[in-house]
Amino acid sequence: MGNEAVFTFVFILSFTFNCSSAEVEILNLFGEVTMETGVAQDITCEVTGQEMGLDILWFVGERHLNSRSSVETLPGGGLQQTVSYVPELTDDDTSLVCRYGIEQSALKIRTFTQQIISTSGVHMVDDKAG
């Protein structure tokens, strides 16, 4: 191998490692999370060491979530975005994913629904009446 071929190989290898150095982390929740259906949760994702020009993407299972929050540039050079996620019953046992390029951070989602039991009239009995 000539010097030009070795230089080209080292350059390509270096470029490949530099492009995949982004770190993606969901900040305010970890691991497996139980959430009530219908109740909005704000979830924040931070990207550091990023390759410029990519988007932060959010998914629950295969469903893409749209974030109404813009991407913020952090003083240290990272990016941050918050999504307002409203869990659905069908989201149970899926993953919520924040993705940037090929890197991602994920949470396991468990959902529950509050069931309100309604009763008909309640009758009060005054035991002092005689």
Protein backbone atom coordinates (compact mmCIF):
# COMPACT_ATOMS: atom_id res chain seq x y z
CA MET A 1 0.00 0.00 0.00
CA GLY A 2 1.36 3.42 -0.94
CA ASN A 3 1.48 6.43 1.37
CA GLU A 4 -1.57 7.99 -0.30
CA ALA A 5 -3.66 4.86 0.23
CA VAL A 6 -2.66 4.65 3.91
CA PHE A 7 -3.45 8.36 4.41
CA THR A 8 -6.85 7.95 2.70
CA PHE A 9 -7.66 4.90 4.84
CA VAL A 10 -6.70 6.69 8.08
CA PHE A 11 -8.69 9.78 7.06
CA ILE A 12 -11.84 7.73 6.28
CA LEU A 13 -11.48 5.76 9.52
CA SER A 14 -11.04 8.98 11.52
CA PHE A 15 -14.02 10.60 9.79
CA THR A 16 -16.23 7.57 10.51
CA PHE A 17 -15.45 7.63 14.23
CA ASN A 18 -15.92 11.40 14.50
CA CYS A 19 -19.38 11.30 12.88
CA SER A 20 -20.84 8.79 15.31
CA SER A 21 -19.75 10.47 18.53
CA ALA A 22 -23.12 11.91 19.54
CA GLU A 23 -24.44 10.98 22.97
CA VAL A 24 -28.20 11.00 23.45
CA GLU A 25 -29.82 10.97 26.89
CA ILE A 26 -33.37 11.35 28.19
CA LEU A 27 -32.79 13.54 31.24
CA ASN A 28 -35.75 13.46 33.58
CA LEU A 29 -36.83 9.78 33.45
CA PHE A 30 -34.91 6.49 33.48
CA GLY A 31 -35.43 2.79 32.77
CA GLU A 32 -39.04 1.59 33.00
CA VAL A 33 -41.63 4.27 33.68
CA THR A 34 -45.29 3.86 34.64
CA MET A 35 -47.53 6.65 33.36
CA GLU A 36 -51.22 7.43 33.61
CA THR A 37 -53.03 7.51 30.28
CA GLY A 38 -54.29 10.92 29.21
CA VAL A 39 -51.95 12.84 31.55
CA ALA A 40 -49.26 14.88 29.74
CA GLN A 41 -45.63 14.28 30.69
CA ASP A 42 -42.82 16.65 29.67
CA ILE A 43 -39.77 14.61 28.66
CA THR A 44 -36.42 16.22 27.82
CA CYS A 45 -33.69 14.82 25.59
CA GLU A 46 -30.13 16.12 25.49
CA VAL A 47 -27.61 15.50 22.72
CA THR A 48 -23.89 16.18 23.22
CA GLY A 49 -20.93 15.72 20.90
CA GLN A 50 -23.32 15.90 17.99
CA GLU A 51 -22.81 15.95 14.26
CA MET A 52 -24.44 19.15 13.05
CA GLY A 53 -27.48 19.27 10.81
CA LEU A 54 -29.49 16.33 12.18
CA ASP A 55 -32.89 16.48 13.87
CA ILE A 56 -33.97 15.18 17.26
CA LEU A 57 -36.75 12.68 16.58
CA TRP A 58 -39.22 11.21 19.09
CA PHE A 59 -41.05 7.87 18.82
CA VAL A 60 -43.39 5.74 20.90
CA GLY A 61 -43.17 2.27 19.42
CA GLU A 62 -43.39 2.92 15.68
CA ARG A 63 -45.44 6.12 16.10
CA HIS A 64 -43.61 9.40 15.49
CA LEU A 65 -44.24 12.12 18.11
CA ASN A 66 -44.15 15.76 17.07
CA SER A 67 -42.51 18.12 19.52
CA ARG A 68 -43.95 21.62 19.70
CA SER A 69 -40.78 22.70 21.48
CA SER A 70 -37.89 24.02 19.43
CA VAL A 71 -34.41 22.59 19.77
CA GLU A 72 -32.30 24.67 22.17
CA THR A 73 -28.54 25.05 21.85
CA LEU A 74 -26.86 24.62 25.23
CA PRO A 75 -24.00 26.84 26.42
CA GLY A 76 -21.62 23.86 26.39
CA GLY A 77 -22.43 23.10 22.77
CA GLY A 78 -25.11 20.43 23.12
CA LEU A 79 -28.73 20.38 22.01
CA GLN A 80 -31.87 19.90 24.07
CA GLN A 81 -35.54 19.41 23.26
CA THR A 82 -38.65 18.69 25.33
CA VAL A 83 -41.68 16.79 24.11
CA SER A 84 -45.08 16.83 25.80
CA TYR A 85 -46.14 13.18 25.69
CA VAL A 86 -49.68 12.06 26.50
CA PRO A 87 -49.64 8.30 27.09
CA GLU A 88 -52.33 6.18 25.46
CA LEU A 89 -53.49 2.75 26.65
CA THR A 90 -52.02 1.23 23.47
CA ASP A 91 -48.57 2.56 24.45
CA ASP A 92 -48.33 0.01 27.27
CA ASP A 93 -45.19 -2.15 27.04
CA THR A 94 -43.58 -0.06 24.29
CA SER A 95 -40.56 2.22 24.26
CA LEU A 96 -40.36 6.00 24.10
CA VAL A 97 -37.28 6.88 22.06
CA CYS A 98 -35.31 10.07 21.52
CA ARG A 99 -33.16 9.63 18.39
CA TYR A 100 -30.41 11.77 16.90
CA GLY A 101 -28.87 10.26 13.76
CA ILE A 102 -28.05 6.64 14.61
CA GLU A 103 -27.79 7.26 18.36
CA GLN A 104 -30.78 7.04 20.70
CA SER A 105 -31.98 6.88 24.29
CA ALA A 106 -35.10 4.93 25.27
CA LEU A 107 -37.55 4.41 28.13
CA LYS A 108 -39.77 1.39 28.64
CA ILE A 109 -43.37 2.64 28.97
CA ARG A 110 -46.02 1.05 31.16
CA THR A 111 -49.45 2.68 31.23
CA PHE A 112 -52.41 2.58 33.57
CA THR A 113 -55.85 4.15 33.61
CA GLN A 114 -57.53 5.61 36.68
CA GLN A 115 -60.98 4.17 36.99
CA ILE A 116 -63.48 6.39 38.76
CA ILE A 117 -66.25 4.45 40.42
CA SER A 118 -69.47 6.39 40.52
CA THR A 119 -72.16 5.62 43.02
CA SER A 120 -75.78 6.54 43.12
CA GLY A 121 -77.00 8.56 46.08
CA VAL A 122 -75.46 7.94 49.47
CA HIS A 123 -77.93 7.79 52.32
CA MET A 124 -76.82 9.18 55.65
CA VAL A 125 -78.33 7.58 58.71
CA ASP A 126 -78.49 9.57 61.91
CA ASP A 127 -78.11 7.00 64.66
CA LYS A 128 -78.94 9.62 67.32
CA ALA A 129 -82.50 9.94 66.14
CA GLY A 130 -84.73 8.12 68.33
